[in-house]
Each structure stands twice: as C-alpha cells, then as structure tokens.
Protein backbone atom coordinates (compact mmCIF):
# COMPACT_ATOMS: atom_id res chain seq x y z
CA MET A 1 -12.87 -40.54 -15.95
CA GLU A 2 -13.50 -41.77 -12.43
CA ARG A 3 -10.78 -43.38 -10.40
CA SER A 4 -11.60 -45.81 -7.65
CA ASN A 5 -8.12 -46.36 -6.24
CA TYR A 6 -8.07 -43.27 -3.97
CA ARG A 7 -7.32 -44.00 -0.32
CA SER A 8 -8.20 -41.82 2.62
CA LEU A 9 -5.39 -39.93 4.30
CA LYS A 10 -4.25 -40.85 7.77
CA SER A 11 -5.65 -38.47 10.40
CA GLY A 12 -4.85 -37.77 14.02
CA LYS A 13 -6.23 -35.72 16.93
CA ALA A 14 -5.23 -32.08 17.36
CA PRO A 15 -2.77 -31.83 20.27
CA ASP A 16 -3.07 -29.38 23.17
CA GLY A 17 -1.80 -25.91 22.26
CA THR A 18 -2.83 -26.19 18.61
CA ASN A 19 -3.53 -22.74 17.21
CA LEU A 20 -4.33 -21.11 13.88
CA HIS A 21 -1.69 -20.14 11.37
CA GLN A 22 -1.59 -16.36 10.94
CA PRO A 23 -1.23 -14.92 7.44
CA CYS A 24 2.17 -13.44 6.71
CA THR A 25 2.12 -10.70 4.12
CA PHE A 26 5.87 -10.24 3.96
CA THR A 27 9.22 -11.92 4.37
CA ASN A 28 12.54 -10.45 5.43
CA VAL A 29 14.55 -8.97 2.59
CA ALA A 30 17.89 -7.31 1.87
CA VAL A 31 18.58 -4.23 -0.21
CA ASP A 32 19.58 -6.43 -3.17
CA SER A 33 16.45 -8.62 -2.96
CA PRO A 34 14.05 -8.48 -5.91
CA ALA A 35 11.84 -5.38 -5.70
CA ILE A 36 8.73 -7.47 -6.32
CA SER A 37 9.30 -9.10 -2.90
CA VAL A 38 8.36 -5.83 -1.13
CA MET A 39 5.40 -4.93 -3.36
CA THR A 40 1.86 -5.41 -2.12
CA ASP A 41 0.38 -7.27 -5.08
CA LEU A 42 -3.24 -6.27 -5.71
CA ARG A 43 -3.86 -9.62 -7.37
CA GLN A 44 -3.34 -11.20 -3.94
CA VAL A 45 -4.58 -8.45 -1.60
CA THR A 46 -7.81 -6.57 -2.16
CA ALA A 47 -7.18 -2.86 -2.67
CA ALA A 48 -8.51 -0.58 0.07
CA THR A 49 -10.87 1.84 -1.67
CA ILE A 50 -13.13 4.72 -0.73
CA ASP A 51 -15.60 7.09 -2.42
CA SER A 52 -14.63 10.71 -2.98
CA ASP A 53 -17.62 12.12 -1.08
CA VAL A 54 -16.75 10.38 2.21
CA SER A 55 -15.68 12.49 5.21
CA LEU A 56 -12.03 12.58 6.26
CA ALA A 57 -12.97 11.01 9.60
CA ASP A 58 -14.58 8.07 7.79
CA ALA A 59 -11.52 7.76 5.55
CA THR A 60 -9.29 7.61 8.63
CA ARG A 61 -11.54 4.96 10.21
CA THR A 62 -11.38 2.93 6.98
CA MET A 63 -7.57 3.09 6.98
CA ILE A 64 -7.44 1.97 10.61
CA SER A 65 -9.86 -0.91 10.05
CA ARG A 66 -7.94 -2.08 6.96
CA GLY A 67 -4.52 -1.56 8.54
CA VAL A 68 -3.33 0.70 5.72
CA ARG A 69 -2.18 4.29 5.30
CA LEU A 70 -3.33 4.72 1.70
CA LEU A 71 -6.77 4.42 0.12
CA PHE A 72 -7.58 4.34 -3.57
CA VAL A 73 -10.38 6.80 -4.37
CA THR A 74 -12.61 5.14 -6.94
CA GLY A 75 -15.68 6.02 -8.93
CA SER A 76 -18.13 3.90 -10.86
CA ARG A 77 -16.78 0.59 -12.21
CA ASP A 78 -13.77 1.00 -9.89
CA VAL A 79 -12.21 3.69 -12.08
CA LEU A 80 -9.34 5.34 -10.21
CA LEU A 81 -10.07 8.98 -9.34
CA GLY A 82 -7.13 9.52 -7.00
CA LEU A 83 -5.66 8.45 -3.71
CA ILE A 84 -5.60 9.70 -0.16
CA THR A 85 -3.15 8.89 2.61
CA ALA A 86 -3.22 9.06 6.39
CA ARG A 87 -0.92 12.05 6.09
CA ASP A 88 -3.65 13.82 4.07
CA THR A 89 -6.42 13.06 6.55
CA ALA A 90 -4.56 13.54 9.83
CA GLY A 91 -1.79 16.02 9.05
CA GLU A 92 -1.87 19.79 9.04
CA ARG A 93 -3.15 20.00 5.45
CA PRO A 94 -6.84 19.45 6.31
CA ILE A 95 -6.70 21.97 9.16
CA ARG A 96 -5.10 24.56 6.89
CA LEU A 97 -7.66 23.88 4.14
CA ALA A 98 -10.61 24.14 6.54
CA THR A 99 -9.25 27.47 7.81
CA GLU A 100 -8.72 28.78 4.25
CA ARG A 101 -12.26 27.82 3.22
CA GLY A 102 -13.86 28.96 6.47
CA VAL A 103 -15.47 25.56 7.07
CA ARG A 104 -15.41 23.05 9.89
CA PHE A 105 -12.98 20.15 9.67
CA ASP A 106 -15.86 17.65 9.57
CA GLU A 107 -17.20 19.31 6.41
CA LEU A 108 -14.12 18.35 4.40
CA ARG A 109 -14.42 15.37 2.08
CA VAL A 110 -11.90 12.97 0.57
CA SER A 111 -12.28 14.84 -2.75
CA ASP A 112 -10.98 18.01 -1.07
CA LEU A 113 -7.60 16.49 -0.19
CA MET A 114 -7.06 13.49 -2.45
CA ILE A 115 -4.22 13.39 -4.94
CA PRO A 116 -6.03 13.35 -8.30
CA ARG A 117 -5.26 10.55 -10.76
CA SER A 118 -3.61 13.01 -13.17
CA GLU A 119 -0.94 13.79 -10.53
CA ILE A 120 -0.19 10.20 -9.49
CA ASP A 121 3.20 8.86 -10.55
CA ILE A 122 3.21 5.19 -11.47
CA LEU A 123 6.02 2.71 -11.99
CA ASP A 124 5.84 0.17 -14.80
CA LEU A 125 5.62 -3.45 -13.65
CA ALA A 126 8.14 -4.45 -16.34
CA ASP A 127 10.75 -2.16 -14.74
CA VAL A 128 9.89 -3.37 -11.23
CA LEU A 129 10.42 -7.00 -12.26
CA HIS A 130 14.06 -6.13 -13.09
CA ALA A 131 14.69 -3.94 -10.03
CA GLU A 132 15.97 -4.54 -6.51
CA VAL A 133 14.68 -3.23 -3.18
CA GLY A 134 17.42 -0.57 -3.24
CA HIS A 135 15.98 0.86 -6.46
CA ILE A 136 12.57 1.24 -4.81
CA ILE A 137 14.09 2.94 -1.76
CA ALA A 138 15.91 5.37 -4.07
CA THR A 139 12.70 6.01 -6.02
CA LEU A 140 10.65 6.74 -2.90
CA LYS A 141 13.39 8.96 -1.52
CA ALA A 142 13.68 10.92 -4.79
CA SER A 143 9.92 11.53 -4.86
CA GLY A 144 9.76 12.36 -1.14
CA ARG A 145 6.77 10.06 -0.78
CA GLN A 146 5.85 7.14 1.45
CA HIS A 147 4.19 5.16 -1.36
CA ALA A 148 4.72 4.30 -5.01
CA LEU A 149 2.15 2.67 -7.26
CA VAL A 150 2.96 -0.01 -9.82
CA ALA A 151 0.89 -0.31 -12.99
CA GLU A 152 0.60 -2.72 -15.86
CA ARG A 153 -1.17 -2.46 -19.19
CA ASP A 154 -3.83 -5.08 -19.90
CA PRO A 155 -3.19 -6.16 -23.50
CA ALA A 156 -6.74 -7.48 -23.94
CA SER A 157 -8.53 -4.26 -22.99
CA ASN A 158 -5.62 -1.84 -23.55
CA THR A 159 -6.28 -0.28 -20.14
CA THR A 160 -3.82 0.57 -17.39
CA ARG A 161 -4.41 -1.14 -14.07
CA ILE A 162 -2.75 -0.52 -10.73
CA ARG A 163 -1.07 -3.83 -9.94
CA GLY A 164 0.71 -3.05 -6.70
CA VAL A 165 1.89 -0.63 -4.04
CA PHE A 166 5.27 0.00 -2.44
CA SER A 167 5.24 1.43 1.08
CA ALA A 168 8.31 2.85 2.84
CA THR A 169 6.94 1.55 6.13
CA GLN A 170 6.45 -1.96 4.74
CA ILE A 171 9.92 -1.96 3.19
CA GLY A 172 11.38 -0.88 6.52
CA ARG A 173 9.60 -3.74 8.28
CA GLN A 174 10.84 -6.27 5.76
CA LEU A 175 14.37 -4.94 6.13
CA GLY A 176 13.97 -5.25 9.91
CA ILE A 177 13.99 -1.49 10.52
CA ALA A 178 11.41 0.42 12.58
CA VAL A 179 10.43 3.52 10.59
CA GLN A 180 8.36 6.60 11.33
CA PRO A 181 5.27 6.57 9.10
CA PHE A 182 4.78 10.33 8.63
CA GLU A 183 8.31 11.68 8.61
CA VAL A 184 9.58 10.94 5.11
CA ALA A 185 13.11 12.34 5.55
CA ARG A 186 13.53 10.53 8.89
CA THR A 187 12.16 7.28 7.43
CA PHE A 188 14.73 7.22 4.63
CA ALA A 189 17.54 8.30 6.94
CA GLU A 190 16.71 5.32 9.20
CA ILE A 191 16.63 2.92 6.26
CA GLU A 192 19.93 4.20 4.88
CA ARG A 193 21.62 4.12 8.31
CA ALA A 194 20.50 0.51 8.85
CA LEU A 195 21.77 -0.51 5.41
CA ILE A 196 25.22 0.95 6.13
CA ASP A 197 25.54 -0.81 9.52
C-alpha cells in the first residue's frame, strides 16, 4: 500500500563546530545496577577472535588494534577453542614457557598459552539477568580473573553460545574507578575501596 501524504522534513545548515557523535559503549553504574549493564554483549559488539597458530606478537597487535585484552581463539565455523588474554601474551608466562621448551619467544603460538575451552568457566545468562554489578565483582574476585564469559543455550540448535564478556577493567571504568589491568588483587582492592567511600 503506497501512501502519498508524506511530507519532507525541515532541514537546516550544519553550524560551525559541528562534529561527529562518538560511540559510547558504556554508561556509569553503581554496585546495585543490573549486571547486564556492565556486560559487553556480543550481539551488539563483534567478538575479537584469533586463530590458534598465530604468534603471540600478532595476538598482542590484534588486541591493541581492537582495544581489548581478551581474544577468543576460534577454529573452523567459529567454534570456540579457547581464549587468550594480554596477561598471557605479555606477562612472565610466555618467557617462562620459552625457557622451559628451549625455544625463542617468537616461536610461541597462541595455542601454546591459550586457556583451552574445557577450562573456561562460563556464567549462565539467565543468572546474569537477575544479578547486580556487585555479584559480578564478587564472582571475578572469587575466580581471581579479570574476565568472565556469559553463555546462553540456543534452543533451536541446542548449542551453547558465548553471549557476553565481563571485564574488571570495564566495570571499574563504569563505576568511575581507575583500575590496574594486570594486577587482579589490586584491581579488586581499588573497586572495593571506592565502593566503601
């Protein structure tokens, strides 16, 4: 059905100083805000992925270019093989592993240091939807990790899919707290101290 009563909208000229709106991936939150408000939703943000045979240097470059500290290691058809973090590629672990194996650092691959899928803890989206930011902070602190993955089961295919990611650094930003990305204990101490103040 075609309608002919549409009118054009009024337009004007762009004034001096007009600039582009920048995307905002987060809003400020409080500890009792819904947990979902601090989750990076992979339905809205494309997951940062990498192949398992890529060098650690290339993995680090990918993280820098994507502005993330975690990459999903995927195989064919985007099947999750594991994950690797900036801590894995730039910490002391790769140096220790290279020394143990008697190889050069640049010979190490993502597969050498990634956390395999079988060792990845996941949170259920249904639980996250009923949780608050404080629950996520407590969960990250209890695991001693910077990140937590959120999964949901696709009823049509009966497969589990990673739906989102929680990041201690991101949560700190949204709470208005500057946190140290690699020092887990210090990160949570800063968050807790800011929440008490």
